[in-house]
Amino acid sequence: MRTQTVLGLVKYVAFRLQDVSVTVGLTESDVNTPCGFFAGPGKASELVVIDCTTLPRGRFVKISKTTEALTLCEVDVFGVPV
């Protein structure tokens, strides 16, 4: 699956969106193929698009960060069937 992840930000928590990683995997227990990264920080009402820099195959997408809580209001993930 070719993946594009779109994140919409709310003005009160937008600054928290930083150092976010997107990974892809074929199974739910193996979602560790790097896909994209957003260094941030986000801005109020910003639409963040994280494109995969590679063409990983997968069915599951994980959005994560290593510090603080990750608050997402809406996430769209687009893929291309292979």
N, C-alpha and C. Protein backbone atom coordinates (compact mmCIF):
# COMPACT_ATOMS: atom_id res chain seq x y z
N MET A 1 0.84 -1.17 0.00
CA MET A 1 0.00 0.00 0.00
C MET A 1 0.89 1.23 0.00
N ARG A 2 0.65 2.13 -0.90
CA ARG A 2 1.31 3.43 -0.87
C ARG A 2 0.49 4.31 0.05
N THR A 3 1.14 4.96 0.99
CA THR A 3 0.40 5.63 2.05
C THR A 3 0.64 7.13 2.07
N GLN A 4 -0.43 7.85 2.36
CA GLN A 4 -0.36 9.27 2.63
C GLN A 4 -1.23 9.49 3.86
N THR A 5 -0.67 10.12 4.87
CA THR A 5 -1.40 10.37 6.11
C THR A 5 -1.66 11.86 6.23
N VAL A 6 -2.91 12.23 6.49
CA VAL A 6 -3.29 13.63 6.60
C VAL A 6 -3.79 13.88 8.01
N LEU A 7 -3.19 14.85 8.69
CA LEU A 7 -3.57 15.18 10.06
C LEU A 7 -4.08 16.61 10.12
N GLY A 8 -5.26 16.82 10.69
CA GLY A 8 -5.80 18.16 10.90
C GLY A 8 -5.55 18.59 12.33
N LEU A 9 -5.16 19.84 12.55
CA LEU A 9 -4.78 20.30 13.87
C LEU A 9 -5.77 21.30 14.45
N VAL A 10 -5.99 21.21 15.75
CA VAL A 10 -6.84 22.13 16.48
C VAL A 10 -5.95 23.17 17.15
N LYS A 11 -6.38 24.42 17.20
CA LYS A 11 -5.50 25.49 17.64
C LYS A 11 -4.97 25.34 19.06
N TYR A 12 -5.69 24.70 19.97
CA TYR A 12 -5.25 24.64 21.35
C TYR A 12 -4.20 23.57 21.61
N VAL A 13 -4.07 22.60 20.74
CA VAL A 13 -3.09 21.53 20.95
C VAL A 13 -2.14 21.36 19.77
N ALA A 14 -2.18 22.25 18.80
CA ALA A 14 -1.37 22.11 17.59
C ALA A 14 0.12 22.05 17.90
N PHE A 15 0.57 22.81 18.89
CA PHE A 15 2.00 22.86 19.21
C PHE A 15 2.52 21.50 19.68
N ARG A 16 1.65 20.62 20.14
CA ARG A 16 2.07 19.30 20.60
C ARG A 16 2.44 18.36 19.46
N LEU A 17 1.99 18.67 18.26
CA LEU A 17 2.29 17.79 17.14
C LEU A 17 3.71 18.06 16.65
N GLN A 18 4.62 17.27 17.16
CA GLN A 18 6.02 17.34 16.74
C GLN A 18 6.67 16.00 17.01
N ASP A 19 7.70 15.70 16.23
CA ASP A 19 8.41 14.42 16.32
C ASP A 19 7.46 13.24 16.17
N VAL A 20 6.62 13.28 15.14
CA VAL A 20 5.63 12.24 14.89
C VAL A 20 6.13 11.32 13.78
N SER A 21 6.08 10.02 14.05
CA SER A 21 6.51 9.01 13.07
C SER A 21 5.31 8.24 12.55
N VAL A 22 5.36 7.88 11.28
CA VAL A 22 4.33 7.04 10.68
C VAL A 22 5.02 5.78 10.19
N THR A 23 4.50 4.62 10.61
CA THR A 23 5.04 3.33 10.18
C THR A 23 3.92 2.49 9.60
N VAL A 24 4.29 1.50 8.78
CA VAL A 24 3.34 0.65 8.08
C VAL A 24 3.75 -0.80 8.28
N GLY A 25 2.77 -1.72 8.29
CA GLY A 25 3.08 -3.13 8.40
C GLY A 25 2.01 -4.01 7.78
N LEU A 26 2.39 -5.24 7.48
CA LEU A 26 1.45 -6.20 6.90
C LEU A 26 0.52 -6.81 7.94
N THR A 27 0.99 -6.89 9.20
CA THR A 27 0.16 -7.43 10.27
C THR A 27 0.11 -6.42 11.41
N GLU A 28 -0.87 -6.56 12.27
CA GLU A 28 -1.05 -5.64 13.38
C GLU A 28 0.12 -5.69 14.36
N SER A 29 0.77 -6.83 14.45
CA SER A 29 1.89 -6.98 15.39
C SER A 29 3.24 -6.62 14.76
N ASP A 30 3.25 -6.26 13.49
CA ASP A 30 4.51 -5.96 12.80
C ASP A 30 4.39 -4.66 12.00
N VAL A 31 4.09 -3.56 12.70
CA VAL A 31 3.91 -2.26 12.04
C VAL A 31 5.17 -1.44 12.30
N ASN A 32 6.28 -1.81 11.62
CA ASN A 32 7.54 -1.13 11.91
C ASN A 32 8.33 -0.70 10.68
N THR A 33 7.71 -0.71 9.50
CA THR A 33 8.39 -0.21 8.31
C THR A 33 8.23 1.30 8.27
N PRO A 34 9.34 2.06 8.35
CA PRO A 34 9.24 3.52 8.35
C PRO A 34 8.54 4.04 7.09
N CYS A 35 7.70 5.03 7.30
CA CYS A 35 6.94 5.59 6.18
C CYS A 35 7.16 7.09 6.07
N GLY A 36 7.07 7.82 7.17
CA GLY A 36 7.23 9.26 7.13
C GLY A 36 7.45 9.84 8.51
N PHE A 37 7.80 11.13 8.56
CA PHE A 37 8.11 11.79 9.82
C PHE A 37 7.72 13.26 9.71
N PHE A 38 7.16 13.81 10.79
CA PHE A 38 6.85 15.24 10.86
C PHE A 38 7.58 15.81 12.06
N ALA A 39 8.54 16.72 11.81
CA ALA A 39 9.34 17.29 12.88
C ALA A 39 8.55 18.31 13.70
N GLY A 40 7.65 19.06 13.03
CA GLY A 40 6.83 20.04 13.74
C GLY A 40 7.62 21.21 14.26
N PRO A 41 7.08 21.97 15.18
CA PRO A 41 5.74 21.80 15.75
C PRO A 41 4.65 22.25 14.78
N GLY A 42 3.44 21.75 15.02
CA GLY A 42 2.30 22.12 14.19
C GLY A 42 1.82 23.52 14.52
N LYS A 43 1.04 24.07 13.61
CA LYS A 43 0.45 25.40 13.80
C LYS A 43 -1.07 25.27 13.81
N ALA A 44 -1.75 26.22 14.43
CA ALA A 44 -3.21 26.19 14.52
C ALA A 44 -3.84 26.12 13.13
N SER A 45 -4.81 25.26 12.97
CA SER A 45 -5.56 25.06 11.72
C SER A 45 -4.70 24.56 10.57
N GLU A 46 -3.52 24.05 10.86
CA GLU A 46 -2.64 23.54 9.82
C GLU A 46 -3.09 22.14 9.39
N LEU A 47 -3.00 21.87 8.12
CA LEU A 47 -3.26 20.54 7.59
C LEU A 47 -1.90 19.91 7.29
N VAL A 48 -1.56 18.87 8.02
CA VAL A 48 -0.25 18.23 7.87
C VAL A 48 -0.41 16.99 7.00
N VAL A 49 0.37 16.92 5.94
CA VAL A 49 0.38 15.75 5.06
C VAL A 49 1.73 15.08 5.20
N ILE A 50 1.72 13.82 5.57
CA ILE A 50 2.96 13.04 5.70
C ILE A 50 2.95 11.98 4.61
N ASP A 51 3.76 12.18 3.59
CA ASP A 51 3.85 11.21 2.49
C ASP A 51 4.91 10.17 2.81
N CYS A 52 4.66 8.95 2.40
CA CYS A 52 5.68 7.91 2.52
C CYS A 52 6.82 8.25 1.56
N THR A 53 8.03 8.16 2.06
CA THR A 53 9.19 8.41 1.21
C THR A 53 9.57 7.15 0.44
N THR A 54 9.03 6.02 0.85
CA THR A 54 9.25 4.75 0.16
C THR A 54 7.89 4.21 -0.26
N LEU A 55 7.87 3.04 -0.83
CA LEU A 55 6.61 2.40 -1.22
C LEU A 55 6.41 1.12 -0.41
N PRO A 56 6.18 1.24 0.90
CA PRO A 56 6.03 0.04 1.71
C PRO A 56 4.70 -0.65 1.42
N ARG A 57 4.69 -1.96 1.60
CA ARG A 57 3.45 -2.71 1.48
C ARG A 57 2.93 -2.94 2.88
N GLY A 58 1.64 -2.74 3.06
CA GLY A 58 1.08 -2.94 4.38
C GLY A 58 -0.41 -2.76 4.43
N ARG A 59 -0.94 -3.16 5.54
CA ARG A 59 -2.38 -3.07 5.78
C ARG A 59 -2.67 -2.21 7.01
N PHE A 60 -1.68 -2.07 7.88
CA PHE A 60 -1.84 -1.34 9.13
C PHE A 60 -0.90 -0.14 9.16
N VAL A 61 -1.39 0.98 9.70
CA VAL A 61 -0.61 2.21 9.80
C VAL A 61 -0.59 2.64 11.26
N LYS A 62 0.60 3.00 11.77
CA LYS A 62 0.73 3.46 13.15
C LYS A 62 1.31 4.87 13.15
N ILE A 63 0.68 5.77 13.90
CA ILE A 63 1.16 7.14 14.08
C ILE A 63 1.59 7.25 15.53
N SER A 64 2.85 7.62 15.77
CA SER A 64 3.34 7.63 17.15
C SER A 64 4.34 8.74 17.38
N LYS A 65 4.55 9.05 18.65
CA LYS A 65 5.61 9.97 19.07
C LYS A 65 6.14 9.47 20.40
N THR A 66 7.37 9.83 20.70
CA THR A 66 8.02 9.27 21.89
C THR A 66 7.86 10.12 23.13
N THR A 67 7.47 11.38 22.98
CA THR A 67 7.32 12.25 24.14
C THR A 67 5.90 12.81 24.19
N GLU A 68 5.41 13.10 25.36
CA GLU A 68 4.09 13.68 25.59
C GLU A 68 2.97 12.86 24.97
N ALA A 69 1.76 13.34 25.18
CA ALA A 69 0.59 12.69 24.60
C ALA A 69 0.43 13.11 23.15
N LEU A 70 -0.16 12.25 22.37
CA LEU A 70 -0.45 12.55 20.97
C LEU A 70 -1.95 12.71 20.85
N THR A 71 -2.41 13.92 20.54
CA THR A 71 -3.83 14.21 20.41
C THR A 71 -4.15 14.47 18.95
N LEU A 72 -4.97 13.60 18.36
CA LEU A 72 -5.36 13.74 16.96
C LEU A 72 -6.88 13.81 16.89
N CYS A 73 -7.39 14.77 16.15
CA CYS A 73 -8.83 14.91 16.00
C CYS A 73 -9.35 14.17 14.78
N GLU A 74 -8.60 14.19 13.73
CA GLU A 74 -9.03 13.53 12.50
C GLU A 74 -7.81 13.07 11.73
N VAL A 75 -7.84 11.84 11.28
CA VAL A 75 -6.73 11.27 10.51
C VAL A 75 -7.31 10.57 9.29
N ASP A 76 -6.79 10.88 8.13
CA ASP A 76 -7.15 10.18 6.90
C ASP A 76 -5.90 9.50 6.38
N VAL A 77 -6.02 8.24 6.02
CA VAL A 77 -4.90 7.49 5.45
C VAL A 77 -5.34 7.01 4.08
N PHE A 78 -4.52 7.31 3.08
CA PHE A 78 -4.82 6.91 1.71
C PHE A 78 -3.76 5.93 1.24
N GLY A 79 -4.19 4.88 0.59
CA GLY A 79 -3.27 3.90 0.05
C GLY A 79 -3.65 3.53 -1.36
N VAL A 80 -2.72 2.91 -2.05
CA VAL A 80 -2.94 2.46 -3.42
C VAL A 80 -2.85 0.94 -3.43
N PRO A 81 -3.89 0.23 -3.90
CA PRO A 81 -3.83 -1.23 -3.95
C PRO A 81 -2.70 -1.69 -4.86
N VAL A 82 -2.06 -2.79 -4.45
CA VAL A 82 -0.99 -3.37 -5.28
C VAL A 82 -1.33 -4.79 -5.64
